[in-house]
Amino acid sequence: MNGASGWICLDVHGNPYDKAVPIVELHADGGSRFIRIAWPEGKPPGKECLPPS
């Protein structure tokens, strides 16, 4: 399912899993820089988006 923050998988109870986490570098002057997206499984989930058994 596409969510506002990107691809998201939900279990049968509506809880997200295998969610992407943005890696951001924060600067002392208040600025920031996007580095990359990290996935718990190392890659985006497949279209079936099945929860782990």
PDB file of N, CA and C in Angstrom:
ATOM      1  N   MET A   1       0.852  -1.166   0.000  1.00  0.00           N
ATOM      2  CA  MET A   1       0.000   0.000   0.000  1.00  0.00           C
ATOM      3  C   MET A   1       0.899   1.231   0.000  1.00  0.00           C
ATOM      4  N   ASN A   2       0.546   2.237  -0.782  1.00  0.00           N
ATOM      5  CA  ASN A   2       1.285   3.494  -0.781  1.00  0.00           C
ATOM      6  C   ASN A   2       0.760   4.367   0.336  1.00  0.00           C
ATOM      7  N   GLY A   3       1.667   4.891   1.154  1.00  0.00           N
ATOM      8  CA  GLY A   3       1.309   5.796   2.229  1.00  0.00           C
ATOM      9  C   GLY A   3       1.912   7.168   1.961  1.00  0.00           C
ATOM     10  N   ALA A   4       1.584   8.137   2.787  1.00  0.00           N
ATOM     11  CA  ALA A   4       2.106   9.490   2.611  1.00  0.00           C
ATOM     12  C   ALA A   4       3.624   9.522   2.720  1.00  0.00           C
ATOM     13  N   SER A   5       4.198   8.595   3.495  1.00  0.00           N
ATOM     14  CA  SER A   5       5.655   8.571   3.674  1.00  0.00           C
ATOM     15  C   SER A   5       6.320   7.527   2.801  1.00  0.00           C
ATOM     16  N   GLY A   6       5.582   6.920   1.891  1.00  0.00           N
ATOM     17  CA  GLY A   6       6.142   5.896   1.011  1.00  0.00           C
ATOM     18  C   GLY A   6       5.435   4.571   1.213  1.00  0.00           C
ATOM     19  N   TRP A   7       6.035   3.509   0.702  1.00  0.00           N
ATOM     20  CA  TRP A   7       5.448   2.175   0.771  1.00  0.00           C
ATOM     21  C   TRP A   7       5.358   1.726   2.215  1.00  0.00           C
ATOM     22  N   ILE A   8       4.226   1.133   2.588  1.00  0.00           N
ATOM     23  CA  ILE A   8       4.034   0.668   3.952  1.00  0.00           C
ATOM     24  C   ILE A   8       3.281  -0.657   3.914  1.00  0.00           C
ATOM     25  N   CYS A   9       3.702  -1.605   4.747  1.00  0.00           N
ATOM     26  CA  CYS A   9       3.031  -2.892   4.878  1.00  0.00           C
ATOM     27  C   CYS A   9       2.311  -2.906   6.221  1.00  0.00           C
ATOM     28  N   LEU A  10       1.098  -3.438   6.218  1.00  0.00           N
ATOM     29  CA  LEU A  10       0.317  -3.527   7.443  1.00  0.00           C
ATOM     30  C   LEU A  10      -0.008  -4.987   7.727  1.00  0.00           C
ATOM     31  N   ASP A  11       0.015  -5.377   9.012  1.00  0.00           N
ATOM     32  CA  ASP A  11      -0.392  -6.733   9.375  1.00  0.00           C
ATOM     33  C   ASP A  11      -1.914  -6.777   9.493  1.00  0.00           C
ATOM     34  N   VAL A  12      -2.469  -7.915   9.871  1.00  0.00           N
ATOM     35  CA  VAL A  12      -3.924  -8.061   9.940  1.00  0.00           C
ATOM     36  C   VAL A  12      -4.572  -7.159  10.980  1.00  0.00           C
ATOM     37  N   HIS A  13      -3.775  -6.595  11.892  1.00  0.00           N
ATOM     38  CA  HIS A  13      -4.285  -5.686  12.915  1.00  0.00           C
ATOM     39  C   HIS A  13      -4.068  -4.219  12.545  1.00  0.00           C
ATOM     40  N   GLY A  14      -3.511  -3.973  11.357  1.00  0.00           N
ATOM     41  CA  GLY A  14      -3.273  -2.604  10.910  1.00  0.00           C
ATOM     42  C   GLY A  14      -1.975  -2.003  11.396  1.00  0.00           C
ATOM     43  N   ASN A  15      -1.090  -2.822  11.990  1.00  0.00           N
ATOM     44  CA  ASN A  15       0.205  -2.331  12.470  1.00  0.00           C
ATOM     45  C   ASN A  15       1.238  -2.380  11.351  1.00  0.00           C
ATOM     46  N   PRO A  16       2.027  -1.325  11.188  1.00  0.00           N
ATOM     47  CA  PRO A  16       3.035  -1.332  10.138  1.00  0.00           C
ATOM     48  C   PRO A  16       4.223  -2.231  10.506  1.00  0.00           C
ATOM     49  N   TYR A  17       4.866  -2.785   9.478  1.00  0.00           N
ATOM     50  CA  TYR A  17       6.105  -3.541   9.673  1.00  0.00           C
ATOM     51  C   TYR A  17       6.965  -3.349   8.436  1.00  0.00           C
ATOM     52  N   ASP A  18       8.242  -3.662   8.532  1.00  0.00           N
ATOM     53  CA  ASP A  18       9.211  -3.480   7.446  1.00  0.00           C
ATOM     54  C   ASP A  18       9.127  -2.071   6.876  1.00  0.00           C
ATOM     55  N   LYS A  19       9.048  -1.079   7.774  1.00  0.00           N
ATOM     56  CA  LYS A  19       8.880   0.321   7.382  1.00  0.00           C
ATOM     57  C   LYS A  19      10.223   0.960   7.082  1.00  0.00           C
ATOM     58  N   ALA A  20      10.279   1.727   6.026  1.00  0.00           N
ATOM     59  CA  ALA A  20      11.484   2.465   5.670  1.00  0.00           C
ATOM     60  C   ALA A  20      11.779   3.531   6.719  1.00  0.00           C
ATOM     61  N   VAL A  21      13.071   3.746   6.967  1.00  0.00           N
ATOM     62  CA  VAL A  21      13.506   4.767   7.918  1.00  0.00           C
ATOM     63  C   VAL A  21      14.453   5.713   7.183  1.00  0.00           C
ATOM     64  N   PRO A  22      14.128   7.014   7.119  1.00  0.00           N
ATOM     65  CA  PRO A  22      15.041   7.951   6.481  1.00  0.00           C
ATOM     66  C   PRO A  22      16.264   8.206   7.371  1.00  0.00           C
ATOM     67  N   ILE A  23      17.435   8.169   6.770  1.00  0.00           N
ATOM     68  CA  ILE A  23      18.678   8.486   7.468  1.00  0.00           C
ATOM     69  C   ILE A  23      19.026   9.928   7.106  1.00  0.00           C
ATOM     70  N   VAL A  24      19.086  10.793   8.123  1.00  0.00           N
ATOM     71  CA  VAL A  24      19.306  12.226   7.921  1.00  0.00           C
ATOM     72  C   VAL A  24      20.488  12.671   8.765  1.00  0.00           C
ATOM     73  N   GLU A  25      21.346  13.490   8.187  1.00  0.00           N
ATOM     74  CA  GLU A  25      22.487  14.065   8.906  1.00  0.00           C
ATOM     75  C   GLU A  25      22.063  15.438   9.434  1.00  0.00           C
ATOM     76  N   LEU A  26      22.200  15.647  10.742  1.00  0.00           N
ATOM     77  CA  LEU A  26      21.842  16.923  11.349  1.00  0.00           C
ATOM     78  C   LEU A  26      23.099  17.764  11.553  1.00  0.00           C
ATOM     79  N   HIS A  27      22.981  19.052  11.302  1.00  0.00           N
ATOM     80  CA  HIS A  27      24.105  19.974  11.422  1.00  0.00           C
ATOM     81  C   HIS A  27      23.920  20.887  12.634  1.00  0.00           C
ATOM     82  N   ALA A  28      25.004  21.323  13.237  1.00  0.00           N
ATOM     83  CA  ALA A  28      24.969  22.178  14.427  1.00  0.00           C
ATOM     84  C   ALA A  28      24.240  23.504  14.162  1.00  0.00           C
ATOM     85  N   ASP A  29      24.252  23.972  12.910  1.00  0.00           N
ATOM     86  CA  ASP A  29      23.598  25.246  12.591  1.00  0.00           C
ATOM     87  C   ASP A  29      22.085  25.093  12.382  1.00  0.00           C
ATOM     88  N   GLY A  30      21.553  23.886  12.629  1.00  0.00           N
ATOM     89  CA  GLY A  30      20.127  23.646  12.472  1.00  0.00           C
ATOM     90  C   GLY A  30      19.745  23.051  11.130  1.00  0.00           C
ATOM     91  N   GLY A  31      20.684  22.963  10.214  1.00  0.00           N
ATOM     92  CA  GLY A  31      20.399  22.382   8.903  1.00  0.00           C
ATOM     93  C   GLY A  31      20.410  20.859   8.959  1.00  0.00           C
ATOM     94  N   SER A  32      20.018  20.256   7.872  1.00  0.00           N
ATOM     95  CA  SER A  32      20.030  18.799   7.771  1.00  0.00           C
ATOM     96  C   SER A  32      20.255  18.395   6.318  1.00  0.00           C
ATOM     97  N   ARG A  33      20.645  17.135   6.139  1.00  0.00           N
ATOM     98  CA  ARG A  33      20.880  16.604   4.794  1.00  0.00           C
ATOM     99  C   ARG A  33      20.375  15.167   4.753  1.00  0.00           C
ATOM    100  N   PHE A  34      19.536  14.848   3.765  1.00  0.00           N
ATOM    101  CA  PHE A  34      19.049  13.493   3.566  1.00  0.00           C
ATOM    102  C   PHE A  34      20.213  12.625   3.079  1.00  0.00           C
ATOM    103  N   ILE A  35      20.399  11.450   3.694  1.00  0.00           N
ATOM    104  CA  ILE A  35      21.473  10.539   3.308  1.00  0.00           C
ATOM    105  C   ILE A  35      20.914   9.397   2.461  1.00  0.00           C
ATOM    106  N   ARG A  36      19.981   8.622   3.014  1.00  0.00           N
ATOM    107  CA  ARG A  36      19.391   7.511   2.272  1.00  0.00           C
ATOM    108  C   ARG A  36      18.201   6.954   3.045  1.00  0.00           C
ATOM    109  N   ILE A  37      17.516   6.018   2.435  1.00  0.00           N
ATOM    110  CA  ILE A  37      16.429   5.278   3.075  1.00  0.00           C
ATOM    111  C   ILE A  37      16.990   3.928   3.502  1.00  0.00           C
ATOM    112  N   ALA A  38      16.716   3.523   4.730  1.00  0.00           N
ATOM    113  CA  ALA A  38      17.130   2.210   5.227  1.00  0.00           C
ATOM    114  C   ALA A  38      15.879   1.353   5.428  1.00  0.00           C
ATOM    115  N   TRP A  39      15.943   0.125   4.961  1.00  0.00           N
ATOM    116  CA  TRP A  39      14.831  -0.813   5.116  1.00  0.00           C
ATOM    117  C   TRP A  39      15.236  -1.884   6.109  1.00  0.00           C
ATOM    118  N   PRO A  40      14.342  -2.274   7.044  1.00  0.00           N
ATOM    119  CA  PRO A  40      14.658  -3.326   8.003  1.00  0.00           C
ATOM    120  C   PRO A  40      15.092  -4.622   7.328  1.00  0.00           C
ATOM    121  N   GLU A  41      14.509  -4.943   6.181  1.00  0.00           N
ATOM    122  CA  GLU A  41      14.849  -6.175   5.473  1.00  0.00           C
ATOM    123  C   GLU A  41      15.926  -5.934   4.414  1.00  0.00           C
ATOM    124  N   GLY A  42      16.456  -4.711   4.329  1.00  0.00           N
ATOM    125  CA  GLY A  42      17.511  -4.401   3.368  1.00  0.00           C
ATOM    126  C   GLY A  42      17.021  -3.988   1.995  1.00  0.00           C
ATOM    127  N   LYS A  43      15.717  -4.085   1.764  1.00  0.00           N
ATOM    128  CA  LYS A  43      15.151  -3.684   0.464  1.00  0.00           C
ATOM    129  C   LYS A  43      13.652  -3.426   0.645  1.00  0.00           C
ATOM    130  N   PRO A  44      13.030  -2.703  -0.275  1.00  0.00           N
ATOM    131  CA  PRO A  44      11.589  -2.477  -0.157  1.00  0.00           C
ATOM    132  C   PRO A  44      10.833  -3.798  -0.203  1.00  0.00           C
ATOM    133  N   PRO A  45       9.665  -3.866   0.428  1.00  0.00           N
ATOM    134  CA  PRO A  45       8.887  -5.101   0.414  1.00  0.00           C
ATOM    135  C   PRO A  45       8.321  -5.389  -0.959  1.00  0.00           C
ATOM    136  N   GLY A  46       7.976  -6.648  -1.207  1.00  0.00           N
ATOM    137  CA  GLY A  46       7.338  -7.034  -2.461  1.00  0.00           C
ATOM    138  C   GLY A  46       5.908  -6.537  -2.508  1.00  0.00           C
ATOM    139  N   LYS A  47       5.297  -6.648  -3.665  1.00  0.00           N
ATOM    140  CA  LYS A  47       3.918  -6.150  -3.829  1.00  0.00           C
ATOM    141  C   LYS A  47       2.929  -6.881  -2.944  1.00  0.00           C
ATOM    142  N   GLU A  48       3.204  -8.164  -2.608  1.00  0.00           N
ATOM    143  CA  GLU A  48       2.272  -8.914  -1.754  1.00  0.00           C
ATOM    144  C   GLU A  48       2.304  -8.422  -0.327  1.00  0.00           C
ATOM    145  N   CYS A  49       3.426  -7.868   0.113  1.00  0.00           N
ATOM    146  CA  CYS A  49       3.539  -7.213   1.411  1.00  0.00           C
ATOM    147  C   CYS A  49       3.007  -8.084   2.557  1.00  0.00           C
ATOM    148  N   LEU A  50       3.417  -9.327   2.610  1.00  0.00           N
ATOM    149  CA  LEU A  50       2.937 -10.253   3.632  1.00  0.00           C
ATOM    150  C   LEU A  50       3.752 -10.121   4.917  1.00  0.00           C
ATOM    151  N   PRO A  51       3.102 -10.133   6.074  1.00  0.00           N
ATOM    152  CA  PRO A  51       3.832 -10.044   7.339  1.00  0.00           C
ATOM    153  C   PRO A  51       4.646 -11.317   7.578  1.00  0.00           C
ATOM    154  N   PRO A  52       5.734 -11.196   8.337  1.00  0.00           N
ATOM    155  CA  PRO A  52       6.533 -12.387   8.630  1.00  0.00           C
ATOM    156  C   PRO A  52       5.711 -13.411   9.414  1.00  0.00           C
ATOM    157  N   SER A  53       5.972 -14.681   9.166  1.00  0.00           N
ATOM    158  CA  SER A  53       5.219 -15.712   9.886  1.00  0.00           C
ATOM    159  C   SER A  53       5.983 -16.237  11.073  1.00  0.00           C
TER     160      SER A  53
END
